């Protein structure tokens, strides 16, 4: 199969999963307009296995679809942040030796650290700054939202995504889509 077609299909599948989980499986938090978004675990897994372009596409397109169909408008600063998070996690997976089987604890810790830094950059810097610049939101509100988004998104990414990655790496998948 053509590599570009393959990556487009994987991106479409990941985007669909990101959207469905983000739209229908979010766990509410006490903070208004925020939930524990489990779709970021999907984003981490796809970014890890398929790289930065797929991760960026899934984060951007999935978040765009959620905003389009939620009725509260498009928040491009947050949409871009999800795309950048997928990109950075995908780049991190290229840096870390992901072909070690079983997945070494040091590699898992390093990957988690870089994913946490990527999350901090995306949801505590990029998204709040975009809200300030483009939407003229209140200064104190956007950074509180950023901290909460960082905490919930990174928590779901690492607490759910890392065990899925670890479990998939331990399976004897010789001819699977994960090894292409």
N, C-alpha and C. Protein backbone atom coordinates (compact mmCIF):
# COMPACT_ATOMS: atom_id res chain seq x y z
N UNK A 1 0.85 -1.17 0.00
CA UNK A 1 0.00 0.00 0.00
C UNK A 1 0.90 1.24 0.00
N UNK A 2 0.47 2.25 -0.70
CA UNK A 2 1.17 3.52 -0.76
C UNK A 2 1.29 4.09 0.67
N UNK A 3 2.49 4.53 1.04
CA UNK A 3 2.73 5.02 2.40
C UNK A 3 1.86 6.23 2.74
N UNK A 4 1.67 7.14 1.79
CA UNK A 4 0.85 8.34 2.05
C UNK A 4 -0.61 7.97 2.27
N UNK A 5 -1.10 7.04 1.47
CA UNK A 5 -2.48 6.57 1.65
C UNK A 5 -2.63 5.88 3.00
N UNK A 6 -1.66 5.07 3.35
CA UNK A 6 -1.65 4.37 4.63
C UNK A 6 -1.72 5.38 5.78
N UNK A 7 -0.89 6.43 5.74
CA UNK A 7 -0.88 7.44 6.80
C UNK A 7 -2.19 8.22 6.83
N UNK A 8 -2.79 8.46 5.67
CA UNK A 8 -4.09 9.15 5.64
C UNK A 8 -5.18 8.30 6.28
N UNK A 9 -5.15 7.00 6.00
CA UNK A 9 -6.14 6.10 6.60
C UNK A 9 -5.96 6.02 8.11
N UNK A 10 -4.72 5.91 8.56
CA UNK A 10 -4.44 5.87 10.00
C UNK A 10 -4.87 7.18 10.66
N UNK A 11 -4.60 8.30 10.00
CA UNK A 11 -5.01 9.60 10.54
C UNK A 11 -6.53 9.70 10.63
N UNK A 12 -7.23 9.23 9.60
CA UNK A 12 -8.69 9.26 9.62
C UNK A 12 -9.24 8.38 10.74
N UNK A 13 -8.67 7.20 10.91
CA UNK A 13 -9.11 6.31 11.98
C UNK A 13 -8.86 6.94 13.36
N UNK A 14 -7.65 7.48 13.55
CA UNK A 14 -7.33 8.13 14.82
C UNK A 14 -8.20 9.35 15.09
N UNK A 15 -8.48 10.13 14.04
CA UNK A 15 -9.35 11.30 14.18
C UNK A 15 -10.75 10.88 14.59
N UNK A 16 -11.27 9.83 13.98
CA UNK A 16 -12.60 9.33 14.34
C UNK A 16 -12.63 8.87 15.80
N UNK A 17 -11.61 8.14 16.22
CA UNK A 17 -11.55 7.68 17.61
C UNK A 17 -11.44 8.86 18.57
N UNK A 18 -10.58 9.84 18.23
CA UNK A 18 -10.39 11.04 19.05
C UNK A 18 -11.73 11.75 19.21
N UNK A 19 -12.45 11.92 18.09
CA UNK A 19 -13.73 12.62 18.12
C UNK A 19 -14.77 11.87 18.96
N UNK A 20 -14.96 10.59 18.71
CA UNK A 20 -15.99 9.83 19.41
C UNK A 20 -15.71 9.78 20.91
N UNK A 21 -14.47 9.51 21.27
CA UNK A 21 -14.13 9.45 22.70
C UNK A 21 -14.23 10.84 23.33
N UNK A 22 -13.76 11.88 22.62
CA UNK A 22 -13.82 13.23 23.16
C UNK A 22 -15.23 13.77 23.29
N UNK A 23 -16.09 13.37 22.39
CA UNK A 23 -17.47 13.89 22.40
C UNK A 23 -18.37 13.13 23.35
N UNK A 24 -18.14 11.82 23.51
CA UNK A 24 -19.10 11.01 24.23
C UNK A 24 -18.56 10.33 25.49
N UNK A 25 -17.25 10.40 25.75
CA UNK A 25 -16.69 9.68 26.89
C UNK A 25 -15.97 10.61 27.86
N UNK A 26 -16.19 11.90 27.79
CA UNK A 26 -15.53 12.85 28.69
C UNK A 26 -16.11 12.71 30.11
N UNK A 27 -15.24 12.80 31.10
CA UNK A 27 -15.65 12.72 32.50
C UNK A 27 -15.65 14.14 33.07
N UNK A 28 -16.80 14.64 33.53
CA UNK A 28 -16.88 16.02 34.02
C UNK A 28 -16.01 16.27 35.25
N UNK A 29 -15.52 17.51 35.36
CA UNK A 29 -14.77 17.94 36.54
C UNK A 29 -15.57 19.05 37.21
N UNK A 30 -15.20 19.42 38.44
CA UNK A 30 -15.92 20.50 39.12
C UNK A 30 -15.74 21.87 38.46
N UNK A 31 -14.76 22.00 37.58
CA UNK A 31 -14.50 23.28 36.92
C UNK A 31 -15.38 23.39 35.69
N UNK A 32 -16.12 24.49 35.54
CA UNK A 32 -17.03 24.64 34.39
C UNK A 32 -16.28 24.53 33.06
N UNK A 33 -16.92 23.89 32.08
CA UNK A 33 -16.41 23.72 30.72
C UNK A 33 -15.18 22.84 30.63
N UNK A 34 -14.86 22.09 31.66
CA UNK A 34 -13.70 21.20 31.62
C UNK A 34 -14.09 19.81 32.06
N UNK A 35 -13.54 18.86 31.36
CA UNK A 35 -13.75 17.45 31.68
C UNK A 35 -12.42 16.74 31.58
N UNK A 36 -12.39 15.53 32.08
CA UNK A 36 -11.22 14.67 31.89
C UNK A 36 -11.39 14.07 30.50
N UNK A 37 -10.60 14.55 29.57
CA UNK A 37 -10.73 14.18 28.17
C UNK A 37 -9.86 12.96 27.87
N UNK A 38 -10.49 11.84 27.68
CA UNK A 38 -9.79 10.58 27.48
C UNK A 38 -9.24 10.42 26.06
N UNK A 39 -9.66 11.30 25.16
CA UNK A 39 -9.19 11.18 23.77
C UNK A 39 -7.70 11.46 23.64
N UNK A 40 -7.11 12.11 24.62
CA UNK A 40 -5.67 12.39 24.53
C UNK A 40 -4.83 11.13 24.71
N UNK A 41 -5.40 10.11 25.34
CA UNK A 41 -4.71 8.81 25.39
C UNK A 41 -4.62 8.22 23.98
N UNK A 42 -5.69 8.35 23.21
CA UNK A 42 -5.69 7.90 21.81
C UNK A 42 -4.65 8.66 21.02
N UNK A 43 -4.58 9.96 21.24
CA UNK A 43 -3.62 10.80 20.53
C UNK A 43 -2.18 10.37 20.85
N UNK A 44 -1.91 10.07 22.10
CA UNK A 44 -0.56 9.65 22.50
C UNK A 44 -0.20 8.31 21.85
N UNK A 45 -1.12 7.38 21.85
CA UNK A 45 -0.84 6.06 21.27
C UNK A 45 -0.59 6.19 19.76
N UNK A 46 -1.46 6.88 19.04
CA UNK A 46 -1.28 7.04 17.60
C UNK A 46 -0.01 7.83 17.28
N UNK A 47 0.26 8.87 18.04
CA UNK A 47 1.47 9.66 17.81
C UNK A 47 2.72 8.83 18.05
N UNK A 48 2.68 8.01 19.08
CA UNK A 48 3.82 7.17 19.40
C UNK A 48 4.12 6.18 18.27
N UNK A 49 3.09 5.52 17.77
CA UNK A 49 3.30 4.48 16.78
C UNK A 49 3.43 4.99 15.35
N UNK A 50 2.77 6.09 15.02
CA UNK A 50 2.71 6.51 13.62
C UNK A 50 3.41 7.84 13.35
N UNK A 51 3.94 8.50 14.38
CA UNK A 51 4.78 9.65 14.16
C UNK A 51 4.11 11.01 14.28
N UNK A 52 4.90 12.05 14.06
CA UNK A 52 4.46 13.42 14.34
C UNK A 52 3.38 13.95 13.37
N UNK A 53 3.44 13.58 12.10
CA UNK A 53 2.46 14.11 11.15
C UNK A 53 1.08 13.53 11.44
N UNK A 54 1.01 12.23 11.68
CA UNK A 54 -0.25 11.59 12.04
C UNK A 54 -0.76 12.17 13.36
N UNK A 55 0.12 12.32 14.34
CA UNK A 55 -0.28 12.88 15.63
C UNK A 55 -0.84 14.29 15.50
N UNK A 56 -0.16 15.11 14.71
CA UNK A 56 -0.63 16.48 14.50
C UNK A 56 -1.99 16.48 13.81
N UNK A 57 -2.14 15.64 12.81
CA UNK A 57 -3.41 15.57 12.09
C UNK A 57 -4.55 15.13 12.98
N UNK A 58 -4.33 14.10 13.76
CA UNK A 58 -5.37 13.60 14.65
C UNK A 58 -5.75 14.65 15.70
N UNK A 59 -4.74 15.26 16.33
CA UNK A 59 -5.03 16.28 17.35
C UNK A 59 -5.78 17.46 16.78
N UNK A 60 -5.33 17.96 15.64
CA UNK A 60 -5.96 19.13 15.03
C UNK A 60 -7.36 18.81 14.52
N UNK A 61 -7.47 17.79 13.68
CA UNK A 61 -8.76 17.46 13.06
C UNK A 61 -9.78 16.96 14.09
N UNK A 62 -9.32 16.13 15.03
CA UNK A 62 -10.23 15.61 16.04
C UNK A 62 -10.79 16.72 16.92
N UNK A 63 -9.93 17.62 17.35
CA UNK A 63 -10.39 18.74 18.18
C UNK A 63 -11.28 19.68 17.37
N UNK A 64 -10.95 19.90 16.11
CA UNK A 64 -11.77 20.73 15.24
C UNK A 64 -13.18 20.15 15.12
N UNK A 65 -13.29 18.85 14.90
CA UNK A 65 -14.61 18.22 14.81
C UNK A 65 -15.39 18.33 16.10
N UNK A 66 -14.72 18.14 17.23
CA UNK A 66 -15.40 18.27 18.52
C UNK A 66 -15.95 19.69 18.69
N UNK A 67 -15.13 20.69 18.39
CA UNK A 67 -15.59 22.08 18.52
C UNK A 67 -16.72 22.39 17.54
N UNK A 68 -16.61 21.90 16.31
CA UNK A 68 -17.64 22.15 15.31
C UNK A 68 -19.00 21.60 15.73
N UNK A 69 -19.00 20.45 16.34
CA UNK A 69 -20.25 19.78 16.67
C UNK A 69 -20.69 19.96 18.13
N UNK A 70 -19.98 20.78 18.88
CA UNK A 70 -20.35 21.00 20.28
C UNK A 70 -21.24 22.20 20.49
N UNK A 71 -21.25 23.13 19.55
CA UNK A 71 -22.14 24.28 19.65
C UNK A 71 -21.59 25.49 20.38
N UNK A 72 -20.37 25.43 20.89
CA UNK A 72 -19.83 26.59 21.58
C UNK A 72 -18.80 27.34 20.76
N UNK A 73 -18.67 27.00 19.51
CA UNK A 73 -17.78 27.72 18.62
C UNK A 73 -16.41 27.09 18.51
N UNK A 74 -15.65 27.61 17.56
CA UNK A 74 -14.29 27.12 17.33
C UNK A 74 -13.31 27.93 18.17
N UNK A 75 -12.49 27.23 18.91
CA UNK A 75 -11.44 27.85 19.70
C UNK A 75 -10.10 27.39 19.11
N UNK A 76 -9.63 28.13 18.11
CA UNK A 76 -8.46 27.70 17.36
C UNK A 76 -7.19 27.62 18.21
N UNK A 77 -7.11 28.40 19.26
CA UNK A 77 -5.92 28.29 20.12
C UNK A 77 -5.85 26.90 20.77
N UNK A 78 -6.98 26.34 21.11
CA UNK A 78 -7.02 25.01 21.73
C UNK A 78 -6.92 23.92 20.66
N UNK A 79 -7.48 24.16 19.50
CA UNK A 79 -7.38 23.21 18.39
C UNK A 79 -5.92 23.07 17.97
N UNK A 80 -5.24 24.21 17.82
CA UNK A 80 -3.82 24.19 17.45
C UNK A 80 -3.00 23.51 18.54
N UNK A 81 -3.34 23.76 19.79
CA UNK A 81 -2.62 23.14 20.91
C UNK A 81 -2.71 21.62 20.85
N UNK A 82 -3.87 21.09 20.52
CA UNK A 82 -4.01 19.64 20.41
C UNK A 82 -3.17 19.10 19.26
N UNK A 83 -3.13 19.83 18.15
CA UNK A 83 -2.29 19.42 17.03
C UNK A 83 -0.82 19.46 17.37
N UNK A 84 -0.39 20.52 18.04
CA UNK A 84 1.02 20.65 18.43
C UNK A 84 1.39 19.56 19.43
N UNK A 85 0.48 19.23 20.34
CA UNK A 85 0.75 18.15 21.29
C UNK A 85 0.99 16.83 20.55
N UNK A 86 0.13 16.51 19.59
CA UNK A 86 0.33 15.30 18.79
C UNK A 86 1.65 15.32 18.04
N UNK A 87 2.00 16.47 17.49
CA UNK A 87 3.27 16.62 16.78
C UNK A 87 4.45 16.38 17.71
N UNK A 88 4.44 17.01 18.87
CA UNK A 88 5.57 16.89 19.81
C UNK A 88 5.70 15.48 20.38
N UNK A 89 4.57 14.84 20.67
CA UNK A 89 4.62 13.47 21.17
C UNK A 89 5.14 12.55 20.07
N UNK A 90 4.72 12.78 18.82
CA UNK A 90 5.24 11.99 17.71
C UNK A 90 6.72 12.18 17.50
N UNK A 91 7.20 13.42 17.64
CA UNK A 91 8.64 13.67 17.53
C UNK A 91 9.40 12.98 18.66
N UNK A 92 8.82 13.00 19.85
CA UNK A 92 9.44 12.33 20.99
C UNK A 92 9.58 10.84 20.75
N UNK A 93 8.56 10.25 20.13
CA UNK A 93 8.63 8.81 19.86
C UNK A 93 9.73 8.48 18.86
N UNK A 94 10.04 9.42 17.97
CA UNK A 94 11.14 9.21 17.03
C UNK A 94 12.48 9.26 17.74
N UNK A 95 12.57 10.10 18.76
CA UNK A 95 13.81 10.25 19.50
C UNK A 95 14.07 9.03 20.39
N UNK A 96 13.01 8.58 21.06
CA UNK A 96 13.15 7.46 21.99
C UNK A 96 13.16 6.16 21.19
N UNK A 97 13.96 5.25 21.60
CA UNK A 97 14.05 3.97 20.90
C UNK A 97 12.79 3.17 21.18
N UNK A 98 11.80 3.28 20.28
CA UNK A 98 10.52 2.63 20.51
C UNK A 98 10.50 1.17 20.12
N UNK A 99 11.56 0.66 19.56
CA UNK A 99 11.57 -0.72 19.13
C UNK A 99 12.15 -1.67 20.18
N UNK A 100 12.41 -1.20 21.35
CA UNK A 100 12.88 -2.04 22.44
C UNK A 100 11.69 -2.86 22.94
N UNK A 101 11.86 -4.16 23.00
CA UNK A 101 10.77 -5.00 23.46
C UNK A 101 11.34 -6.00 24.47
N UNK A 102 10.92 -5.99 25.70
CA UNK A 102 9.84 -5.17 26.23
C UNK A 102 10.27 -3.71 26.46
N UNK A 103 9.27 -2.87 26.55
CA UNK A 103 9.49 -1.44 26.71
C UNK A 103 10.22 -1.18 28.02
N UNK A 104 11.40 -0.62 27.95
CA UNK A 104 12.22 -0.39 29.14
C UNK A 104 11.61 0.71 30.01
N UNK A 105 11.75 0.55 31.32
CA UNK A 105 11.20 1.53 32.25
C UNK A 105 11.83 2.91 32.05
N UNK A 106 13.12 2.96 31.76
CA UNK A 106 13.77 4.27 31.56
C UNK A 106 13.22 4.96 30.31
N UNK A 107 12.97 4.20 29.26
CA UNK A 107 12.39 4.79 28.05
C UNK A 107 10.98 5.29 28.32
N UNK A 108 10.20 4.53 29.08
CA UNK A 108 8.84 4.93 29.41
C UNK A 108 8.84 6.22 30.24
N UNK A 109 9.75 6.30 31.20
CA UNK A 109 9.84 7.50 32.03
C UNK A 109 10.28 8.72 31.21
N UNK A 110 11.24 8.53 30.31
CA UNK A 110 11.69 9.61 29.46
C UNK A 110 10.58 10.07 28.52
N UNK A 111 9.88 9.12 27.92
CA UNK A 111 8.76 9.46 27.05
C UNK A 111 7.69 10.22 27.83
N UNK A 112 7.37 9.77 29.04
CA UNK A 112 6.37 10.44 29.88
C UNK A 112 6.81 11.86 30.23
N UNK A 113 8.09 12.02 30.53
CA UNK A 113 8.62 13.35 30.85
C UNK A 113 8.47 14.29 29.65
N UNK A 114 8.86 13.84 28.47
CA UNK A 114 8.74 14.69 27.28
C UNK A 114 7.28 14.98 26.93
N UNK A 115 6.39 14.00 27.11
CA UNK A 115 4.96 14.23 26.86
C UNK A 115 4.40 15.25 27.86
N UNK A 116 4.87 15.20 29.09
CA UNK A 116 4.44 16.18 30.10
C UNK A 116 4.92 17.58 29.74
N UNK A 117 6.16 17.69 29.29
CA UNK A 117 6.69 19.00 28.87
C UNK A 117 5.92 19.51 27.65
N UNK A 118 5.62 18.62 26.72
CA UNK A 118 4.83 19.01 25.54
C UNK A 118 3.45 19.49 25.96
N UNK A 119 2.83 18.79 26.90
CA UNK A 119 1.52 19.21 27.41
C UNK A 119 1.57 20.56 28.09
N UNK A 120 2.61 20.79 28.87
CA UNK A 120 2.76 22.09 29.54
C UNK A 120 2.90 23.21 28.51
N UNK A 121 3.71 22.99 27.50
CA UNK A 121 3.88 23.99 26.45
C UNK A 121 2.56 24.27 25.73
N UNK A 122 1.84 23.21 25.40
CA UNK A 122 0.61 23.37 24.62
C UNK A 122 -0.52 24.00 25.42
N UNK A 123 -0.78 23.49 26.63
CA UNK A 123 -1.96 23.92 27.36
C UNK A 123 -1.71 24.99 28.41
N UNK A 124 -0.45 25.26 28.73
CA UNK A 124 -0.18 26.34 29.68
C UNK A 124 0.46 27.55 29.02
N UNK A 125 0.87 27.40 27.74
CA UNK A 125 1.49 28.53 27.03
C UNK A 125 0.73 28.85 25.74
N UNK A 126 0.65 27.88 24.81
CA UNK A 126 0.08 28.15 23.49
C UNK A 126 -1.41 28.48 23.57
N UNK A 127 -2.20 27.61 24.19
CA UNK A 127 -3.65 27.83 24.24
C UNK A 127 -4.02 29.11 25.00
N UNK A 128 -3.49 29.33 26.22
CA UNK A 128 -3.85 30.58 26.91
C UNK A 128 -3.38 31.83 26.16
N UNK A 129 -2.19 31.77 25.57
CA UNK A 129 -1.68 32.93 24.82
C UNK A 129 -2.58 33.22 23.62
N UNK A 130 -3.02 32.17 22.94
CA UNK A 130 -3.94 32.35 21.82
C UNK A 130 -5.26 32.95 22.26
N UNK A 131 -5.76 32.51 23.42
CA UNK A 131 -7.00 33.08 23.94
C UNK A 131 -6.84 34.57 24.25
N UNK A 132 -5.68 34.93 24.80
CA UNK A 132 -5.43 36.34 25.10
C UNK A 132 -5.32 37.17 23.82
N UNK A 133 -4.59 36.67 22.85
CA UNK A 133 -4.34 37.43 21.63
C UNK A 133 -5.55 37.52 20.71
N UNK A 134 -6.23 36.40 20.51
CA UNK A 134 -7.27 36.36 19.49
C UNK A 134 -8.68 36.51 20.03
N UNK A 135 -8.92 36.11 21.25
CA UNK A 135 -10.28 36.14 21.80
C UNK A 135 -10.45 37.16 22.92
N UNK A 136 -9.38 37.84 23.30
CA UNK A 136 -9.39 38.84 24.37
C UNK A 136 -10.07 38.32 25.64
N UNK A 137 -9.73 37.10 26.00
CA UNK A 137 -10.25 36.50 27.23
C UNK A 137 -9.53 37.12 28.43
N UNK A 138 -10.12 36.96 29.60
CA UNK A 138 -9.53 37.49 30.83
C UNK A 138 -8.22 36.76 31.14
N UNK A 139 -7.21 37.52 31.51
CA UNK A 139 -5.87 37.00 31.76
C UNK A 139 -5.86 35.88 32.79
N UNK A 140 -6.48 36.12 33.94
CA UNK A 140 -6.43 35.12 35.00
C UNK A 140 -7.23 33.87 34.65
N UNK A 141 -8.28 34.00 33.87
CA UNK A 141 -9.12 32.86 33.51
C UNK A 141 -8.38 31.92 32.56
N UNK A 142 -7.71 32.46 31.54
CA UNK A 142 -7.09 31.60 30.54
C UNK A 142 -5.96 30.76 31.11
N UNK A 143 -5.23 31.30 32.05
CA UNK A 143 -4.13 30.53 32.62
C UNK A 143 -4.63 29.49 33.62
N UNK A 144 -5.72 29.77 34.32
CA UNK A 144 -6.33 28.75 35.18
C UNK A 144 -6.88 27.62 34.31
N UNK A 145 -7.54 27.98 33.21
CA UNK A 145 -8.02 26.96 32.27
C UNK A 145 -6.86 26.15 31.71
N UNK A 146 -5.76 26.83 31.40
CA UNK A 146 -4.59 26.14 30.89
C UNK A 146 -4.01 25.14 31.87
N UNK A 147 -3.94 25.52 33.14
CA UNK A 147 -3.41 24.62 34.17
C UNK A 147 -4.32 23.40 34.32
N UNK A 148 -5.63 23.63 34.35
CA UNK A 148 -6.57 22.52 34.48
C UNK A 148 -6.51 21.61 33.24
N UNK A 149 -6.46 22.21 32.06
CA UNK A 149 -6.36 21.41 30.83
C UNK A 149 -5.07 20.61 30.82
N UNK A 150 -3.98 21.23 31.21
CA UNK A 150 -2.70 20.52 31.29
C UNK A 150 -2.81 19.32 32.22
N UNK A 151 -3.33 19.54 33.40
CA UNK A 151 -3.41 18.46 34.40
C UNK A 151 -4.29 17.32 33.91
N UNK A 152 -5.47 17.64 33.41
CA UNK A 152 -6.40 16.58 32.99
C UNK A 152 -5.94 15.89 31.71
N UNK A 153 -5.46 16.65 30.73
CA UNK A 153 -5.07 16.05 29.46
C UNK A 153 -3.81 15.19 29.60
N UNK A 154 -2.83 15.68 30.34
CA UNK A 154 -1.61 14.89 30.53
C UNK A 154 -1.90 13.68 31.41
N UNK A 155 -2.75 13.84 32.40
CA UNK A 155 -3.10 12.69 33.25
C UNK A 155 -3.75 11.59 32.42
N UNK A 156 -4.72 11.94 31.59
CA UNK A 156 -5.36 10.90 30.77
C UNK A 156 -4.38 10.34 29.74
N UNK A 157 -3.52 11.19 29.20
CA UNK A 157 -2.55 10.73 28.21
C UNK A 157 -1.61 9.69 28.80
N UNK A 158 -1.09 9.99 29.97
CA UNK A 158 -0.08 9.12 30.56
C UNK A 158 -0.68 7.94 31.32
N UNK A 159 -1.75 8.15 32.04
CA UNK A 159 -2.32 7.07 32.85
C UNK A 159 -3.04 6.02 32.01
N UNK A 160 -3.51 6.42 30.84
CA UNK A 160 -4.18 5.47 29.95
C UNK A 160 -3.31 5.14 28.74
N UNK A 161 -2.70 6.15 28.14
CA UNK A 161 -1.92 5.96 26.92
C UNK A 161 -0.67 5.12 27.10
N UNK A 162 0.11 5.37 28.15
CA UNK A 162 1.36 4.63 28.37
C UNK A 162 1.10 3.14 28.61
N UNK A 163 0.12 2.75 29.43
CA UNK A 163 -0.14 1.31 29.56
C UNK A 163 -0.58 0.66 28.24
N UNK A 164 -1.34 1.39 27.41
CA UNK A 164 -1.73 0.83 26.12
C UNK A 164 -0.49 0.63 25.24
N UNK A 165 0.38 1.62 25.20
CA UNK A 165 1.62 1.50 24.42
C UNK A 165 2.44 0.32 24.94
N UNK A 166 2.59 0.25 26.24
CA UNK A 166 3.37 -0.83 26.86
C UNK A 166 2.77 -2.19 26.52
N UNK A 167 1.44 -2.29 26.62
CA UNK A 167 0.78 -3.55 26.31
C UNK A 167 0.92 -3.94 24.85
N UNK A 168 0.80 -2.98 23.94
CA UNK A 168 0.95 -3.28 22.52
C UNK A 168 2.37 -3.70 22.18
N UNK A 169 3.34 -3.11 22.85
CA UNK A 169 4.73 -3.46 22.57
C UNK A 169 5.06 -4.87 23.03
N UNK A 170 4.35 -5.37 24.01
CA UNK A 170 4.63 -6.71 24.53
C UNK A 170 3.92 -7.80 23.72
N UNK A 171 2.99 -7.43 22.88
CA UNK A 171 2.29 -8.42 22.05
C UNK A 171 3.18 -8.85 20.89
N UNK A 172 3.14 -10.10 20.52
CA UNK A 172 3.94 -10.56 19.38
C UNK A 172 3.24 -10.24 18.06
N UNK A 173 3.32 -8.99 17.65
CA UNK A 173 2.65 -8.53 16.44
C UNK A 173 3.67 -8.42 15.31
N UNK A 174 3.85 -9.48 14.57
CA UNK A 174 4.87 -9.47 13.51
C UNK A 174 4.44 -8.72 12.27
N UNK A 175 3.20 -8.93 11.85
CA UNK A 175 2.74 -8.35 10.59
C UNK A 175 1.58 -7.39 10.81
N UNK A 176 1.61 -6.65 11.87
CA UNK A 176 0.50 -5.75 12.16
C UNK A 176 0.77 -4.37 11.57
N UNK A 177 -0.25 -3.54 11.64
CA UNK A 177 -0.11 -2.17 11.16
C UNK A 177 0.87 -1.38 12.02
N UNK A 178 1.11 -1.85 13.25
CA UNK A 178 2.02 -1.13 14.13
C UNK A 178 3.47 -1.27 13.70
N UNK A 179 3.78 -2.29 12.95
CA UNK A 179 5.16 -2.54 12.55
C UNK A 179 5.49 -2.04 11.16
N UNK A 180 4.61 -1.35 10.49
CA UNK A 180 4.87 -0.88 9.13
C UNK A 180 5.68 0.38 9.14
